[in-house]
Amino acid sequence: MVVFVDGTTGIDTAVVDQWLGDIVAVTGVTKCYNDEGEILPRFQDDIKLCIVPNGDDSWGSWKARW
């Protein structure tokens, strides 16, 4: 799913860009745009980096920061 950050939210996208490819938990409104699902967070605290313990392979091929 795509996380779309609207410029009017005040969310620091430089922080979010650092997490590209990591596992994040996002709270927001969902919508469909061009046949693709999107999550639209409202505030900076709506996006949180998930920490996966080293050696925990329960996330499959996903990778997160340790």
Protein backbone atom coordinates (compact mmCIF):
# COMPACT_ATOMS: atom_id res chain seq x y z
CA MET A 1 0.00 0.00 0.00
CA VAL A 2 1.20 3.52 -0.75
CA VAL A 3 1.53 6.14 2.00
CA PHE A 4 0.67 9.53 0.51
CA VAL A 5 1.69 12.57 2.54
CA ASP A 6 -0.25 15.69 1.57
CA GLY A 7 1.86 18.84 1.70
CA THR A 8 -0.72 20.65 3.83
CA THR A 9 -0.33 18.23 6.78
CA GLY A 10 3.00 19.65 7.95
CA ILE A 11 4.48 16.13 8.10
CA ASP A 12 8.28 16.20 7.71
CA THR A 13 8.69 14.08 4.58
CA ALA A 14 12.50 14.07 4.97
CA VAL A 15 12.04 11.84 8.03
CA VAL A 16 9.54 9.61 6.24
CA ASP A 17 11.83 9.32 3.17
CA GLN A 18 14.56 7.85 5.41
CA TRP A 19 12.22 4.94 6.18
CA LEU A 20 11.66 3.98 2.52
CA GLY A 21 11.61 0.17 2.38
CA ASP A 22 11.21 -0.21 6.15
CA ILE A 23 8.14 -1.43 7.98
CA VAL A 24 5.98 1.43 9.26
CA ALA A 25 2.68 1.64 11.10
CA VAL A 26 0.41 4.31 9.62
CA THR A 27 -2.83 5.73 10.97
CA GLY A 28 -4.90 7.62 8.45
CA VAL A 29 -7.70 7.70 5.94
CA THR A 30 -7.64 5.15 3.13
CA LYS A 31 -8.65 5.80 -0.46
CA CYS A 32 -8.19 4.37 -3.92
CA TYR A 33 -6.33 6.43 -6.52
CA ASN A 34 -5.58 5.07 -10.01
CA ASP A 35 -6.68 1.59 -8.84
CA GLU A 36 -4.09 1.62 -6.04
CA GLY A 37 -4.77 1.81 -2.32
CA GLU A 38 -3.38 4.79 -0.41
CA ILE A 39 -3.14 5.69 3.26
CA LEU A 40 -3.28 9.41 4.03
CA PRO A 41 -1.79 10.24 7.45
CA ARG A 42 -2.88 13.49 9.08
CA PHE A 43 -0.08 14.21 11.56
CA GLN A 44 3.62 13.36 12.03
CA ASP A 45 2.69 10.98 14.88
CA ASP A 46 0.48 9.00 12.47
CA ILE A 47 3.63 7.43 10.95
CA LYS A 48 5.79 5.26 13.20
CA LEU A 49 8.81 3.15 12.33
CA CYS A 50 8.37 -0.48 13.45
CA ILE A 51 11.41 -2.04 15.09
CA VAL A 52 11.83 -5.75 14.38
CA PRO A 53 14.24 -7.63 16.69
CA ASN A 54 17.38 -8.93 15.00
CA GLY A 55 16.81 -12.50 13.83
CA ASP A 56 13.00 -12.20 13.78
CA ASP A 57 12.01 -13.51 10.35
CA SER A 58 8.25 -13.40 10.97
CA TRP A 59 8.02 -10.38 8.63
CA GLY A 60 9.06 -12.52 5.67
CA SER A 61 11.09 -10.65 3.08
CA TRP A 62 10.42 -7.25 4.66
CA LYS A 63 13.37 -5.55 6.31
CA ALA A 64 13.38 -3.05 9.15
CA ARG A 65 16.05 -1.15 11.02
CA TRP A 66 17.59 -2.82 14.01
